[in-house]
Every structure is written in C-alpha cells, then in structure tokens.
Amino acid sequence: MVEKGHNEMEIFEIISHGGGARSLSYEALTAAEEGDFKKAEEIMQKAEEEMLEAHHTQTRLIQDELNDKPVEKSLLMIHAQDHLMTAIAEKNLIERMITLYKRLEAK
C-alpha cells in the first residue's frame, strides 16, 4: 500500500508543467496569428521545455513503479495524466497550425 500523498508533489509537477506548456502553445499561436513568427518560435521553445519537465517527472514515476516503488493511483494522478496528454496533443496541433500560418503569410 502506498501512503497517501506520497507522490503528490510529482503529480502537481506534471499538472503544472503540462499546463504551462499548453498555455505557452496558445500564446505562440496568438503570435503566429499576428504574423510574429519569430516570437511564436521562441514561445514554442519555452513550451517544449515545459513539456520536457512534465515528461521527465512522469518518466521518474514510471521508473519508480517498474522498480517496485509503489506509485499512488488516485483521481489526482489520472487528472495529471489526462492533463499532460491533452497538452501534448494541443501543442502538436498548434505547431502544425503555426506552420500553416507561415505558409499563408508567404503567399
């Protein structure tokens, strides 16, 4: 049995960094909509850094579980995983949208 709250900080890190990546991605999309592609690229780089932080934390938790260190399975953990998955999907889609804006601008 895992003591309650054992992985709580890591779970909140996933939520925080995933949310940061998602917010930055939308900020980059706004910059692209305004034609500022340099700014959009800089912001997307920051979004990628946030995403990597979330992913590193998730990987640590997975490794803990694989090494027989119990990881709390809770509604909060499910929320964190859902939050991260959504952030990844939205970031990937926004990257493609920015590429589309660049193509439209070039015409």
PDB file of N, CA and C in Angstrom:
ATOM      1  N   MET A   1       0.838  -1.194   0.000  1.00  0.00           N
ATOM      2  CA  MET A   1       0.000   0.000   0.000  1.00  0.00           C
ATOM      3  C   MET A   1       0.877   1.249   0.000  1.00  0.00           C
ATOM      4  N   VAL A   2       0.508   2.225  -0.785  1.00  0.00           N
ATOM      5  CA  VAL A   2       1.233   3.483  -0.878  1.00  0.00           C
ATOM      6  C   VAL A   2       0.629   4.471   0.103  1.00  0.00           C
ATOM      7  N   GLU A   3       1.481   5.157   0.860  1.00  0.00           N
ATOM      8  CA  GLU A   3       0.943   6.151   1.792  1.00  0.00           C
ATOM      9  C   GLU A   3       0.355   7.313   1.002  1.00  0.00           C
ATOM     10  N   LYS A   4      -0.778   7.791   1.470  1.00  0.00           N
ATOM     11  CA  LYS A   4      -1.487   8.865   0.773  1.00  0.00           C
ATOM     12  C   LYS A   4      -0.615  10.107   0.676  1.00  0.00           C
ATOM     13  N   GLY A   5      -0.580  10.697  -0.526  1.00  0.00           N
ATOM     14  CA  GLY A   5       0.190  11.911  -0.737  1.00  0.00           C
ATOM     15  C   GLY A   5       1.657  11.668  -1.040  1.00  0.00           C
ATOM     16  N   HIS A   6       2.063  10.397  -1.101  1.00  0.00           N
ATOM     17  CA  HIS A   6       3.467  10.045  -1.322  1.00  0.00           C
ATOM     18  C   HIS A   6       4.041  10.678  -2.589  1.00  0.00           C
ATOM     19  N   ASN A   7       3.286  10.665  -3.666  1.00  0.00           N
ATOM     20  CA  ASN A   7       3.753  11.206  -4.944  1.00  0.00           C
ATOM     21  C   ASN A   7       3.069  12.516  -5.312  1.00  0.00           C
ATOM     22  N   GLU A   8       2.465  13.154  -4.351  1.00  0.00           N
ATOM     23  CA  GLU A   8       1.657  14.338  -4.630  1.00  0.00           C
ATOM     24  C   GLU A   8       2.442  15.458  -5.308  1.00  0.00           C
ATOM     25  N   MET A   9       3.659  15.709  -4.859  1.00  0.00           N
ATOM     26  CA  MET A   9       4.464  16.787  -5.457  1.00  0.00           C
ATOM     27  C   MET A   9       4.765  16.496  -6.925  1.00  0.00           C
ATOM     28  N   GLU A  10       5.121  15.251  -7.228  1.00  0.00           N
ATOM     29  CA  GLU A  10       5.404  14.882  -8.607  1.00  0.00           C
ATOM     30  C   GLU A  10       4.149  15.026  -9.471  1.00  0.00           C
ATOM     31  N   ILE A  11       3.014  14.635  -8.917  1.00  0.00           N
ATOM     32  CA  ILE A  11       1.759  14.751  -9.653  1.00  0.00           C
ATOM     33  C   ILE A  11       1.475  16.216  -9.969  1.00  0.00           C
ATOM     34  N   PHE A  12       1.669  17.093  -8.996  1.00  0.00           N
ATOM     35  CA  PHE A  12       1.442  18.525  -9.225  1.00  0.00           C
ATOM     36  C   PHE A  12       2.460  19.099 -10.216  1.00  0.00           C
ATOM     37  N   GLU A  13       3.675  18.554 -10.242  1.00  0.00           N
ATOM     38  CA  GLU A  13       4.660  18.994 -11.235  1.00  0.00           C
ATOM     39  C   GLU A  13       4.173  18.673 -12.650  1.00  0.00           C
ATOM     40  N   ILE A  14       3.613  17.488 -12.841  1.00  0.00           N
ATOM     41  CA  ILE A  14       3.085  17.102 -14.155  1.00  0.00           C
ATOM     42  C   ILE A  14       1.982  18.067 -14.565  1.00  0.00           C
ATOM     43  N   ILE A  15       1.075  18.340 -13.650  1.00  0.00           N
ATOM     44  CA  ILE A  15      -0.037  19.251 -13.941  1.00  0.00           C
ATOM     45  C   ILE A  15       0.482  20.650 -14.251  1.00  0.00           C
ATOM     46  N   SER A  16       1.390  21.141 -13.432  1.00  0.00           N
ATOM     47  CA  SER A  16       1.908  22.497 -13.588  1.00  0.00           C
ATOM     48  C   SER A  16       2.674  22.675 -14.900  1.00  0.00           C
ATOM     49  N   HIS A  17       3.614  21.782 -15.163  1.00  0.00           N
ATOM     50  CA  HIS A  17       4.423  21.911 -16.376  1.00  0.00           C
ATOM     51  C   HIS A  17       3.603  21.612 -17.631  1.00  0.00           C
ATOM     52  N   GLY A  18       2.707  20.654 -17.556  1.00  0.00           N
ATOM     53  CA  GLY A  18       1.830  20.378 -18.695  1.00  0.00           C
ATOM     54  C   GLY A  18       0.946  21.576 -18.997  1.00  0.00           C
ATOM     55  N   GLY A  19       0.397  22.172 -17.957  1.00  0.00           N
ATOM     56  CA  GLY A  19      -0.436  23.359 -18.126  1.00  0.00           C
ATOM     57  C   GLY A  19       0.364  24.539 -18.652  1.00  0.00           C
ATOM     58  N   GLY A  20       1.596  24.668 -18.186  1.00  0.00           N
ATOM     59  CA  GLY A  20       2.460  25.735 -18.679  1.00  0.00           C
ATOM     60  C   GLY A  20       2.740  25.575 -20.165  1.00  0.00           C
ATOM     61  N   ALA A  21       3.025  24.345 -20.581  1.00  0.00           N
ATOM     62  CA  ALA A  21       3.284  24.076 -21.997  1.00  0.00           C
ATOM     63  C   ALA A  21       2.059  24.390 -22.839  1.00  0.00           C
ATOM     64  N   ARG A  22       0.914  24.013 -22.343  1.00  0.00           N
ATOM     65  CA  ARG A  22      -0.341  24.261 -23.072  1.00  0.00           C
ATOM     66  C   ARG A  22      -0.591  25.768 -23.209  1.00  0.00           C
ATOM     67  N   SER A  23      -0.456  26.513 -22.127  1.00  0.00           N
ATOM     68  CA  SER A  23      -0.668  27.962 -22.156  1.00  0.00           C
ATOM     69  C   SER A  23       0.309  28.653 -23.094  1.00  0.00           C
ATOM     70  N   LEU A  24       1.570  28.254 -23.024  1.00  0.00           N
ATOM     71  CA  LEU A  24       2.581  28.847 -23.898  1.00  0.00           C
ATOM     72  C   LEU A  24       2.289  28.534 -25.367  1.00  0.00           C
ATOM     73  N   SER A  25       1.806  27.339 -25.635  1.00  0.00           N
ATOM     74  CA  SER A  25       1.473  26.966 -27.017  1.00  0.00           C
ATOM     75  C   SER A  25       0.399  27.887 -27.578  1.00  0.00           C
ATOM     76  N   TYR A  26      -0.609  28.161 -26.778  1.00  0.00           N
ATOM     77  CA  TYR A  26      -1.665  29.066 -27.234  1.00  0.00           C
ATOM     78  C   TYR A  26      -1.146  30.493 -27.391  1.00  0.00           C
ATOM     79  N   GLU A  27      -0.219  30.893 -26.537  1.00  0.00           N
ATOM     80  CA  GLU A  27       0.395  32.216 -26.661  1.00  0.00           C
ATOM     81  C   GLU A  27       1.179  32.295 -27.978  1.00  0.00           C
ATOM     82  N   ALA A  28       1.876  31.215 -28.316  1.00  0.00           N
ATOM     83  CA  ALA A  28       2.616  31.171 -29.574  1.00  0.00           C
ATOM     84  C   ALA A  28       1.667  31.217 -30.766  1.00  0.00           C
ATOM     85  N   LEU A  29       0.540  30.553 -30.658  1.00  0.00           N
ATOM     86  CA  LEU A  29      -0.452  30.580 -31.732  1.00  0.00           C
ATOM     87  C   LEU A  29      -0.954  32.007 -31.954  1.00  0.00           C
ATOM     88  N   THR A  30      -1.188  32.729 -30.884  1.00  0.00           N
ATOM     89  CA  THR A  30      -1.618  34.123 -31.000  1.00  0.00           C
ATOM     90  C   THR A  30      -0.555  34.948 -31.716  1.00  0.00           C
ATOM     91  N   ALA A  31       0.704  34.727 -31.361  1.00  0.00           N
ATOM     92  CA  ALA A  31       1.796  35.455 -32.034  1.00  0.00           C
ATOM     93  C   ALA A  31       1.813  35.122 -33.531  1.00  0.00           C
ATOM     94  N   ALA A  32       1.605  33.875 -33.865  1.00  0.00           N
ATOM     95  CA  ALA A  32       1.579  33.473 -35.279  1.00  0.00           C
ATOM     96  C   ALA A  32       0.396  34.102 -36.003  1.00  0.00           C
ATOM     97  N   GLU A  33      -0.739  34.159 -35.343  1.00  0.00           N
ATOM     98  CA  GLU A  33      -1.924  34.791 -35.946  1.00  0.00           C
ATOM     99  C   GLU A  33      -1.650  36.259 -36.258  1.00  0.00           C
ATOM    100  N   GLU A  34      -0.802  36.866 -35.439  1.00  0.00           N
ATOM    101  CA  GLU A  34      -0.443  38.275 -35.633  1.00  0.00           C
ATOM    102  C   GLU A  34       0.738  38.440 -36.589  1.00  0.00           C
ATOM    103  N   GLY A  35       1.251  37.313 -37.110  1.00  0.00           N
ATOM    104  CA  GLY A  35       2.359  37.357 -38.064  1.00  0.00           C
ATOM    105  C   GLY A  35       3.740  37.445 -37.452  1.00  0.00           C
ATOM    106  N   ASP A  36       3.848  37.325 -36.136  1.00  0.00           N
ATOM    107  CA  ASP A  36       5.146  37.404 -35.464  1.00  0.00           C
ATOM    108  C   ASP A  36       5.680  35.979 -35.253  1.00  0.00           C
ATOM    109  N   PHE A  37       6.263  35.426 -36.309  1.00  0.00           N
ATOM    110  CA  PHE A  37       6.694  34.028 -36.275  1.00  0.00           C
ATOM    111  C   PHE A  37       7.954  33.816 -35.451  1.00  0.00           C
ATOM    112  N   LYS A  38       8.798  34.832 -35.373  1.00  0.00           N
ATOM    113  CA  LYS A  38       9.988  34.723 -34.518  1.00  0.00           C
ATOM    114  C   LYS A  38       9.556  34.567 -33.059  1.00  0.00           C
ATOM    115  N   LYS A  39       8.617  35.400 -32.652  1.00  0.00           N
ATOM    116  CA  LYS A  39       8.101  35.319 -31.280  1.00  0.00           C
ATOM    117  C   LYS A  39       7.402  33.978 -31.065  1.00  0.00           C
ATOM    118  N   ALA A  40       6.638  33.534 -32.048  1.00  0.00           N
ATOM    119  CA  ALA A  40       5.935  32.248 -31.929  1.00  0.00           C
ATOM    120  C   ALA A  40       6.930  31.108 -31.724  1.00  0.00           C
ATOM    121  N   GLU A  41       8.023  31.118 -32.480  1.00  0.00           N
ATOM    122  CA  GLU A  41       9.040  30.073 -32.334  1.00  0.00           C
ATOM    123  C   GLU A  41       9.695  30.115 -30.961  1.00  0.00           C
ATOM    124  N   GLU A  42       9.993  31.313 -30.477  1.00  0.00           N
ATOM    125  CA  GLU A  42      10.608  31.442 -29.149  1.00  0.00           C
ATOM    126  C   GLU A  42       9.680  30.915 -28.063  1.00  0.00           C
ATOM    127  N   ILE A  43       8.408  31.224 -28.186  1.00  0.00           N
ATOM    128  CA  ILE A  43       7.439  30.767 -27.188  1.00  0.00           C
ATOM    129  C   ILE A  43       7.255  29.255 -27.270  1.00  0.00           C
ATOM    130  N   MET A  44       7.231  28.725 -28.486  1.00  0.00           N
ATOM    131  CA  MET A  44       7.089  27.274 -28.633  1.00  0.00           C
ATOM    132  C   MET A  44       8.295  26.543 -28.042  1.00  0.00           C
ATOM    133  N   GLN A  45       9.472  27.155 -28.103  1.00  0.00           N
ATOM    134  CA  GLN A  45      10.653  26.549 -27.476  1.00  0.00           C
ATOM    135  C   GLN A  45      10.456  26.472 -25.958  1.00  0.00           C
ATOM    136  N   LYS A  46       9.903  27.526 -25.375  1.00  0.00           N
ATOM    137  CA  LYS A  46       9.611  27.515 -23.936  1.00  0.00           C
ATOM    138  C   LYS A  46       8.558  26.460 -23.615  1.00  0.00           C
ATOM    139  N   ALA A  47       7.568  26.318 -24.497  1.00  0.00           N
ATOM    140  CA  ALA A  47       6.533  25.295 -24.303  1.00  0.00           C
ATOM    141  C   ALA A  47       7.159  23.905 -24.325  1.00  0.00           C
ATOM    142  N   GLU A  48       8.108  23.704 -25.230  1.00  0.00           N
ATOM    143  CA  GLU A  48       8.794  22.413 -25.307  1.00  0.00           C
ATOM    144  C   GLU A  48       9.575  22.131 -24.024  1.00  0.00           C
ATOM    145  N   GLU A  49      10.214  23.147 -23.473  1.00  0.00           N
ATOM    146  CA  GLU A  49      10.954  22.980 -22.217  1.00  0.00           C
ATOM    147  C   GLU A  49      10.012  22.594 -21.080  1.00  0.00           C
ATOM    148  N   GLU A  50       8.861  23.234 -21.016  1.00  0.00           N
ATOM    149  CA  GLU A  50       7.859  22.877 -20.001  1.00  0.00           C
ATOM    150  C   GLU A  50       7.393  21.435 -20.184  1.00  0.00           C
ATOM    151  N   MET A  51       7.164  21.068 -21.439  1.00  0.00           N
ATOM    152  CA  MET A  51       6.699  19.719 -21.736  1.00  0.00           C
ATOM    153  C   MET A  51       7.735  18.685 -21.320  1.00  0.00           C
ATOM    154  N   LEU A  52       9.004  18.983 -21.569  1.00  0.00           N
ATOM    155  CA  LEU A  52      10.071  18.067 -21.171  1.00  0.00           C
ATOM    156  C   LEU A  52      10.115  17.889 -19.652  1.00  0.00           C
ATOM    157  N   GLU A  53       9.915  18.979 -18.920  1.00  0.00           N
ATOM    158  CA  GLU A  53       9.895  18.874 -17.454  1.00  0.00           C
ATOM    159  C   GLU A  53       8.766  17.952 -16.987  1.00  0.00           C
ATOM    160  N   ALA A  54       7.589  18.133 -17.570  1.00  0.00           N
ATOM    161  CA  ALA A  54       6.451  17.277 -17.217  1.00  0.00           C
ATOM    162  C   ALA A  54       6.747  15.828 -17.572  1.00  0.00           C
ATOM    163  N   HIS A  55       7.329  15.625 -18.738  1.00  0.00           N
ATOM    164  CA  HIS A  55       7.623  14.267 -19.192  1.00  0.00           C
ATOM    165  C   HIS A  55       8.684  13.604 -18.324  1.00  0.00           C
ATOM    166  N   HIS A  56       9.704  14.364 -17.911  1.00  0.00           N
ATOM    167  CA  HIS A  56      10.739  13.811 -17.021  1.00  0.00           C
ATOM    168  C   HIS A  56      10.130  13.347 -15.696  1.00  0.00           C
ATOM    169  N   THR A  57       9.229  14.142 -15.160  1.00  0.00           N
ATOM    170  CA  THR A  57       8.575  13.762 -13.906  1.00  0.00           C
ATOM    171  C   THR A  57       7.740  12.505 -14.109  1.00  0.00           C
ATOM    172  N   GLN A  58       6.997  12.463 -15.190  1.00  0.00           N
ATOM    173  CA  GLN A  58       6.183  11.276 -15.495  1.00  0.00           C
ATOM    174  C   GLN A  58       7.084  10.047 -15.635  1.00  0.00           C
ATOM    175  N   THR A  59       8.204  10.201 -16.313  1.00  0.00           N
ATOM    176  CA  THR A  59       9.132   9.087 -16.509  1.00  0.00           C
ATOM    177  C   THR A  59       9.690   8.593 -15.185  1.00  0.00           C
ATOM    178  N   ARG A  60      10.019   9.520 -14.274  1.00  0.00           N
ATOM    179  CA  ARG A  60      10.509   9.125 -12.940  1.00  0.00           C
ATOM    180  C   ARG A  60       9.471   8.278 -12.215  1.00  0.00           C
ATOM    181  N   LEU A  61       8.210   8.676 -12.292  1.00  0.00           N
ATOM    182  CA  LEU A  61       7.153   7.913 -11.631  1.00  0.00           C
ATOM    183  C   LEU A  61       7.001   6.529 -12.254  1.00  0.00           C
ATOM    184  N   ILE A  62       7.095   6.461 -13.559  1.00  0.00           N
ATOM    185  CA  ILE A  62       7.004   5.166 -14.242  1.00  0.00           C
ATOM    186  C   ILE A  62       8.173   4.275 -13.828  1.00  0.00           C
ATOM    187  N   GLN A  63       9.376   4.854 -13.781  1.00  0.00           N
ATOM    188  CA  GLN A  63      10.550   4.084 -13.371  1.00  0.00           C
ATOM    189  C   GLN A  63      10.416   3.601 -11.932  1.00  0.00           C
ATOM    190  N   ASP A  64       9.882   4.453 -11.053  1.00  0.00           N
ATOM    191  CA  ASP A  64       9.649   4.033  -9.671  1.00  0.00           C
ATOM    192  C   ASP A  64       8.750   2.802  -9.635  1.00  0.00           C
ATOM    193  N   GLU A  65       7.676   2.864 -10.385  1.00  0.00           N
ATOM    194  CA  GLU A  65       6.740   1.736 -10.384  1.00  0.00           C
ATOM    195  C   GLU A  65       7.394   0.477 -10.942  1.00  0.00           C
ATOM    196  N   LEU A  66       8.182   0.627 -12.000  1.00  0.00           N
ATOM    197  CA  LEU A  66       8.868  -0.525 -12.584  1.00  0.00           C
ATOM    198  C   LEU A  66       9.904  -1.109 -11.625  1.00  0.00           C
ATOM    199  N   ASN A  67      10.427  -0.282 -10.733  1.00  0.00           N
ATOM    200  CA  ASN A  67      11.421  -0.717  -9.741  1.00  0.00           C
ATOM    201  C   ASN A  67      10.786  -1.071  -8.408  1.00  0.00           C
ATOM    202  N   ASP A  68       9.511  -1.451  -8.458  1.00  0.00           N
ATOM    203  CA  ASP A  68       8.770  -1.893  -7.270  1.00  0.00           C
ATOM    204  C   ASP A  68       8.662  -0.848  -6.168  1.00  0.00           C
ATOM    205  N   LYS A  69       8.740   0.439  -6.543  1.00  0.00           N
ATOM    206  CA  LYS A  69       8.456   1.519  -5.603  1.00  0.00           C
ATOM    207  C   LYS A  69       7.036   1.957  -5.920  1.00  0.00           C
ATOM    208  N   PRO A  70       6.110   1.677  -5.038  1.00  0.00           N
ATOM    209  CA  PRO A  70       4.704   1.945  -5.352  1.00  0.00           C
ATOM    210  C   PRO A  70       4.423   3.414  -5.660  1.00  0.00           C
ATOM    211  N   VAL A  71       3.554   3.616  -6.628  1.00  0.00           N
ATOM    212  CA  VAL A  71       3.100   4.940  -7.020  1.00  0.00           C
ATOM    213  C   VAL A  71       1.613   4.997  -6.751  1.00  0.00           C
ATOM    214  N   GLU A  72       1.200   6.054  -6.055  1.00  0.00           N
ATOM    215  CA  GLU A  72      -0.209   6.199  -5.705  1.00  0.00           C
ATOM    216  C   GLU A  72      -1.062   6.345  -6.964  1.00  0.00           C
ATOM    217  N   LYS A  73      -2.078   5.511  -7.060  1.00  0.00           N
ATOM    218  CA  LYS A  73      -3.047   5.640  -8.143  1.00  0.00           C
ATOM    219  C   LYS A  73      -4.264   6.339  -7.557  1.00  0.00           C
ATOM    220  N   SER A  74      -4.505   7.550  -8.039  1.00  0.00           N
ATOM    221  CA  SER A  74      -5.574   8.359  -7.476  1.00  0.00           C
ATOM    222  C   SER A  74      -6.246   9.139  -8.592  1.00  0.00           C
ATOM    223  N   LEU A  75      -7.356   9.752  -8.260  1.00  0.00           N
ATOM    224  CA  LEU A  75      -8.031  10.610  -9.212  1.00  0.00           C
ATOM    225  C   LEU A  75      -7.110  11.760  -9.617  1.00  0.00           C
ATOM    226  N   LEU A  76      -6.302  12.251  -8.691  1.00  0.00           N
ATOM    227  CA  LEU A  76      -5.357  13.326  -8.999  1.00  0.00           C
ATOM    228  C   LEU A  76      -4.310  12.859 -10.014  1.00  0.00           C
ATOM    229  N   MET A  77      -3.830  11.634  -9.867  1.00  0.00           N
ATOM    230  CA  MET A  77      -2.860  11.092 -10.825  1.00  0.00           C
ATOM    231  C   MET A  77      -3.503  10.940 -12.204  1.00  0.00           C
ATOM    232  N   ILE A  78      -4.724  10.460 -12.235  1.00  0.00           N
ATOM    233  CA  ILE A  78      -5.441  10.327 -13.506  1.00  0.00           C
ATOM    234  C   ILE A  78      -5.609  11.699 -14.150  1.00  0.00           C
ATOM    235  N   HIS A  79      -5.955  12.674 -13.337  1.00  0.00           N
ATOM    236  CA  HIS A  79      -6.109  14.047 -13.845  1.00  0.00           C
ATOM    237  C   HIS A  79      -4.789  14.548 -14.428  1.00  0.00           C
ATOM    238  N   ALA A  80      -3.684  14.294 -13.749  1.00  0.00           N
ATOM    239  CA  ALA A  80      -2.377  14.747 -14.218  1.00  0.00           C
ATOM    240  C   ALA A  80      -2.047  14.114 -15.565  1.00  0.00           C
ATOM    241  N   GLN A  81      -2.297  12.813 -15.694  1.00  0.00           N
ATOM    242  CA  GLN A  81      -2.008  12.127 -16.947  1.00  0.00           C
ATOM    243  C   GLN A  81      -2.898  12.647 -18.074  1.00  0.00           C
ATOM    244  N   ASP A  82      -4.155  12.882 -17.769  1.00  0.00           N
ATOM    245  CA  ASP A  82      -5.089  13.417 -18.756  1.00  0.00           C
ATOM    246  C   ASP A  82      -4.669  14.819 -19.170  1.00  0.00           C
ATOM    247  N   HIS A  83      -4.281  15.603 -18.196  1.00  0.00           N
ATOM    248  CA  HIS A  83      -3.835  16.986 -18.441  1.00  0.00           C
ATOM    249  C   HIS A  83      -2.610  16.993 -19.355  1.00  0.00           C
ATOM    250  N   LEU A  84      -1.649  16.120 -19.070  1.00  0.00           N
ATOM    251  CA  LEU A  84      -0.428  16.052 -19.863  1.00  0.00           C
ATOM    252  C   LEU A  84      -0.723  15.577 -21.281  1.00  0.00           C
ATOM    253  N   MET A  85      -1.535  14.556 -21.409  1.00  0.00           N
ATOM    254  CA  MET A  85      -1.873  14.025 -22.729  1.00  0.00           C
ATOM    255  C   MET A  85      -2.558  15.093 -23.589  1.00  0.00           C
ATOM    256  N   THR A  86      -3.464  15.838 -22.990  1.00  0.00           N
ATOM    257  CA  THR A  86      -4.161  16.902 -23.709  1.00  0.00           C
ATOM    258  C   THR A  86      -3.179  18.001 -24.110  1.00  0.00           C
ATOM    259  N   ALA A  87      -2.278  18.359 -23.214  1.00  0.00           N
ATOM    260  CA  ALA A  87      -1.280  19.399 -23.518  1.00  0.00           C
ATOM    261  C   ALA A  87      -0.387  18.970 -24.671  1.00  0.00           C
ATOM    262  N   ILE A  88       0.022  17.712 -24.691  1.00  0.00           N
ATOM    263  CA  ILE A  88       0.866  17.210 -25.777  1.00  0.00           C
ATOM    264  C   ILE A  88       0.116  17.291 -27.100  1.00  0.00           C
ATOM    265  N   ALA A  89      -1.128  16.836 -27.106  1.00  0.00           N
ATOM    266  CA  ALA A  89      -1.924  16.843 -28.335  1.00  0.00           C
ATOM    267  C   ALA A  89      -2.147  18.262 -28.835  1.00  0.00           C
ATOM    268  N   GLU A  90      -2.490  19.174 -27.935  1.00  0.00           N
ATOM    269  CA  GLU A  90      -2.739  20.549 -28.346  1.00  0.00           C
ATOM    270  C   GLU A  90      -1.460  21.225 -28.826  1.00  0.00           C
ATOM    271  N   LYS A  91      -0.348  20.978 -28.163  1.00  0.00           N
ATOM    272  CA  LYS A  91       0.931  21.556 -28.585  1.00  0.00           C
ATOM    273  C   LYS A  91       1.281  21.075 -29.989  1.00  0.00           C
ATOM    274  N   ASN A  92       1.121  19.789 -30.237  1.00  0.00           N
ATOM    275  CA  ASN A  92       1.419  19.244 -31.568  1.00  0.00           C
ATOM    276  C   ASN A  92       0.522  19.863 -32.639  1.00  0.00           C
ATOM    277  N   LEU A  93      -0.741  20.015 -32.338  1.00  0.00           N
ATOM    278  CA  LEU A  93      -1.671  20.619 -33.292  1.00  0.00           C
ATOM    279  C   LEU A  93      -1.323  22.088 -33.541  1.00  0.00           C
ATOM    280  N   ILE A  94      -0.986  22.807 -32.480  1.00  0.00           N
ATOM    281  CA  ILE A  94      -0.637  24.224 -32.618  1.00  0.00           C
ATOM    282  C   ILE A  94       0.635  24.381 -33.449  1.00  0.00           C
ATOM    283  N   GLU A  95       1.601  23.478 -33.290  1.00  0.00           N
ATOM    284  CA  GLU A  95       2.803  23.538 -34.125  1.00  0.00           C
ATOM    285  C   GLU A  95       2.431  23.461 -35.607  1.00  0.00           C
ATOM    286  N   ARG A  96       1.499  22.592 -35.940  1.00  0.00           N
ATOM    287  CA  ARG A  96       1.051  22.461 -37.334  1.00  0.00           C
ATOM    288  C   ARG A  96       0.282  23.694 -37.783  1.00  0.00           C
ATOM    289  N   MET A  97      -0.492  24.276 -36.886  1.00  0.00           N
ATOM    290  CA  MET A  97      -1.240  25.484 -37.233  1.00  0.00           C
ATOM    291  C   MET A  97      -0.286  26.649 -37.506  1.00  0.00           C
ATOM    292  N   ILE A  98       0.773  26.744 -36.722  1.00  0.00           N
ATOM    293  CA  ILE A  98       1.762  27.806 -36.941  1.00  0.00           C
ATOM    294  C   ILE A  98       2.413  27.627 -38.305  1.00  0.00           C
ATOM    295  N   THR A  99       2.725  26.394 -38.660  1.00  0.00           N
ATOM    296  CA  THR A  99       3.279  26.115 -39.992  1.00  0.00           C
ATOM    297  C   THR A  99       2.306  26.562 -41.077  1.00  0.00           C
ATOM    298  N   LEU A 100       1.041  26.324 -40.872  1.00  0.00           N
ATOM    299  CA  LEU A 100       0.019  26.747 -41.828  1.00  0.00           C
ATOM    300  C   LEU A 100      -0.028  28.269 -41.933  1.00  0.00           C
ATOM    301  N   TYR A 101       0.023  28.955 -40.800  1.00  0.00           N
ATOM    302  CA  TYR A 101       0.049  30.425 -40.821  1.00  0.00           C
ATOM    303  C   TYR A 101       1.266  30.938 -41.595  1.00  0.00           C
ATOM    304  N   LYS A 102       2.408  30.281 -41.427  1.00  0.00           N
ATOM    305  CA  LYS A 102       3.614  30.686 -42.156  1.00  0.00           C
ATOM    306  C   LYS A 102       3.403  30.535 -43.661  1.00  0.00           C
ATOM    307  N   ARG A 103       2.795  29.444 -44.062  1.00  0.00           N
ATOM    308  CA  ARG A 103       2.540  29.212 -45.485  1.00  0.00           C
ATOM    309  C   ARG A 103       1.573  30.250 -46.047  1.00  0.00           C
ATOM    310  N   LEU A 104       0.560  30.566 -45.271  1.00  0.00           N
ATOM    311  CA  LEU A 104      -0.408  31.566 -45.724  1.00  0.00           C
ATOM    312  C   LEU A 104       0.249  32.940 -45.842  1.00  0.00           C
ATOM    313  N   GLU A 105       1.118  33.246 -44.919  1.00  0.00           N
ATOM    314  CA  GLU A 105       1.811  34.535 -44.933  1.00  0.00           C
ATOM    315  C   GLU A 105       2.734  34.650 -46.150  1.00  0.00           C
ATOM    316  N   ALA A 106       3.319  33.519 -46.550  1.00  0.00           N
ATOM    317  CA  ALA A 106       4.266  33.513 -47.671  1.00  0.00           C
ATOM    318  C   ALA A 106       3.566  33.737 -49.020  1.00  0.00           C
ATOM    319  N   LYS A 107       2.267  33.494 -49.068  1.00  0.00           N
ATOM    320  CA  LYS A 107       1.539  33.628 -50.352  1.00  0.00           C
ATOM    321  C   LYS A 107       1.135  35.041 -50.642  1.00  0.00           C
TER     322      LYS A 107
END
